[in-house]
Amino acid sequence: MSRIRKQPQRMCVGCREMKNKRELVR
């Protein structure tokens, strides 16, 4: 939970899923 990033929770969730997928593929 970082207030520095001004992004909606929806984007956060999507970013998290994408990051997880990228990590798995890596």
PDB file of N, CA and C in Angstrom:
ATOM      1  N   MET A   1       0.853  -1.205   0.000  1.00  0.00           N
ATOM      2  CA  MET A   1       0.000   0.000   0.000  1.00  0.00           C
ATOM      3  C   MET A   1       0.888   1.255   0.000  1.00  0.00           C
ATOM      4  N   SER A   2       1.261   1.736  -1.140  1.00  0.00           N
ATOM      5  CA  SER A   2       2.113   2.942  -1.192  1.00  0.00           C
ATOM      6  C   SER A   2       1.301   4.129  -1.707  1.00  0.00           C
ATOM      7  N   ARG A   3       1.276   5.200  -0.922  1.00  0.00           N
ATOM      8  CA  ARG A   3       0.494   6.368  -1.352  1.00  0.00           C
ATOM      9  C   ARG A   3       1.257   7.104  -2.467  1.00  0.00           C
ATOM     10  N   ILE A   4       2.535   6.856  -2.599  1.00  0.00           N
ATOM     11  CA  ILE A   4       3.313   7.562  -3.645  1.00  0.00           C
ATOM     12  C   ILE A   4       2.703   7.265  -5.017  1.00  0.00           C
ATOM     13  N   ARG A   5       2.322   6.033  -5.246  1.00  0.00           N
ATOM     14  CA  ARG A   5       1.757   5.678  -6.575  1.00  0.00           C
ATOM     15  C   ARG A   5       0.288   6.091  -6.609  1.00  0.00           C
ATOM     16  N   LYS A   6      -0.084   6.973  -7.518  1.00  0.00           N
ATOM     17  CA  LYS A   6      -1.506   7.387  -7.607  1.00  0.00           C
ATOM     18  C   LYS A   6      -2.214   6.509  -8.634  1.00  0.00           C
ATOM     19  N   GLN A   7      -2.455   5.273  -8.289  1.00  0.00           N
ATOM     20  CA  GLN A   7      -3.157   4.366  -9.229  1.00  0.00           C
ATOM     21  C   GLN A   7      -4.321   3.690  -8.523  1.00  0.00           C
ATOM     22  N   PRO A   8      -5.410   3.456  -9.233  1.00  0.00           N
ATOM     23  CA  PRO A   8      -6.586   2.804  -8.647  1.00  0.00           C
ATOM     24  C   PRO A   8      -6.281   1.367  -8.240  1.00  0.00           C
ATOM     25  N   GLN A   9      -7.063   0.855  -7.319  1.00  0.00           N
ATOM     26  CA  GLN A   9      -6.826  -0.536  -6.864  1.00  0.00           C
ATOM     27  C   GLN A   9      -6.993  -1.503  -8.036  1.00  0.00           C
ATOM     28  N   ARG A  10      -7.900  -1.199  -8.938  1.00  0.00           N
ATOM     29  CA  ARG A  10      -8.138  -2.116 -10.082  1.00  0.00           C
ATOM     30  C   ARG A  10      -6.815  -2.310 -10.833  1.00  0.00           C
ATOM     31  N   MET A  11      -6.177  -1.199 -11.164  1.00  0.00           N
ATOM     32  CA  MET A  11      -4.912  -1.299 -11.916  1.00  0.00           C
ATOM     33  C   MET A  11      -3.888  -2.061 -11.072  1.00  0.00           C
ATOM     34  N   CYS A  12      -3.884  -1.783  -9.795  1.00  0.00           N
ATOM     35  CA  CYS A  12      -2.913  -2.456  -8.904  1.00  0.00           C
ATOM     36  C   CYS A  12      -3.104  -3.977  -9.024  1.00  0.00           C
ATOM     37  N   VAL A  13      -4.343  -4.415  -8.916  1.00  0.00           N
ATOM     38  CA  VAL A  13      -4.622  -5.862  -8.995  1.00  0.00           C
ATOM     39  C   VAL A  13      -4.166  -6.400 -10.341  1.00  0.00           C
ATOM     40  N   GLY A  14      -4.492  -5.684 -11.403  1.00  0.00           N
ATOM     41  CA  GLY A  14      -4.102  -6.153 -12.746  1.00  0.00           C
ATOM     42  C   GLY A  14      -2.577  -6.197 -12.853  1.00  0.00           C
ATOM     43  N   CYS A  15      -1.936  -5.137 -12.380  1.00  0.00           N
ATOM     44  CA  CYS A  15      -0.459  -5.103 -12.450  1.00  0.00           C
ATOM     45  C   CYS A  15       0.100  -6.296 -11.675  1.00  0.00           C
ATOM     46  N   ARG A  16      -0.474  -6.564 -10.526  1.00  0.00           N
ATOM     47  CA  ARG A  16       0.045  -7.662  -9.687  1.00  0.00           C
ATOM     48  C   ARG A  16      -0.097  -8.991 -10.449  1.00  0.00           C
ATOM     49  N   GLU A  17      -1.235  -9.202 -11.071  1.00  0.00           N
ATOM     50  CA  GLU A  17      -1.436 -10.468 -11.817  1.00  0.00           C
ATOM     51  C   GLU A  17      -0.428 -10.549 -12.965  1.00  0.00           C
ATOM     52  N   MET A  18      -0.279  -9.460 -13.685  1.00  0.00           N
ATOM     53  CA  MET A  18       0.661  -9.456 -14.829  1.00  0.00           C
ATOM     54  C   MET A  18       2.076  -9.731 -14.319  1.00  0.00           C
ATOM     55  N   LYS A  19       2.448  -9.092 -13.229  1.00  0.00           N
ATOM     56  CA  LYS A  19       3.806  -9.302 -12.681  1.00  0.00           C
ATOM     57  C   LYS A  19       3.977 -10.772 -12.307  1.00  0.00           C
ATOM     58  N   ASN A  20       2.984 -11.342 -11.661  1.00  0.00           N
ATOM     59  CA  ASN A  20       3.072 -12.764 -11.252  1.00  0.00           C
ATOM     60  C   ASN A  20       3.251 -13.634 -12.489  1.00  0.00           C
ATOM     61  N   LYS A  21       2.468 -13.376 -13.508  1.00  0.00           N
ATOM     62  CA  LYS A  21       2.559 -14.194 -14.743  1.00  0.00           C
ATOM     63  C   LYS A  21       3.954 -14.036 -15.341  1.00  0.00           C
ATOM     64  N   ARG A  22       4.447 -12.809 -15.391  1.00  0.00           N
ATOM     65  CA  ARG A  22       5.787 -12.564 -15.978  1.00  0.00           C
ATOM     66  C   ARG A  22       6.832 -13.311 -15.153  1.00  0.00           C
ATOM     67  N   GLU A  23       6.696 -13.270 -13.860  1.00  0.00           N
ATOM     68  CA  GLU A  23       7.691 -13.960 -13.004  1.00  0.00           C
ATOM     69  C   GLU A  23       7.658 -15.460 -13.285  1.00  0.00           C
ATOM     70  N   LEU A  24       6.468 -16.008 -13.440  1.00  0.00           N
ATOM     71  CA  LEU A  24       6.356 -17.459 -13.699  1.00  0.00           C
ATOM     72  C   LEU A  24       6.991 -17.787 -15.047  1.00  0.00           C
ATOM     73  N   VAL A  25       6.703 -16.962 -16.035  1.00  0.00           N
ATOM     74  CA  VAL A  25       7.246 -17.220 -17.387  1.00  0.00           C
ATOM     75  C   VAL A  25       8.762 -17.091 -17.352  1.00  0.00           C
ATOM     76  N   ARG A  26       9.247 -16.096 -16.601  1.00  0.00           N
ATOM     77  CA  ARG A  26      10.694 -15.870 -16.557  1.00  0.00           C
ATOM     78  C   ARG A  26      11.369 -17.158 -16.157  1.00  0.00           C
TER      79      ARG A  26
END
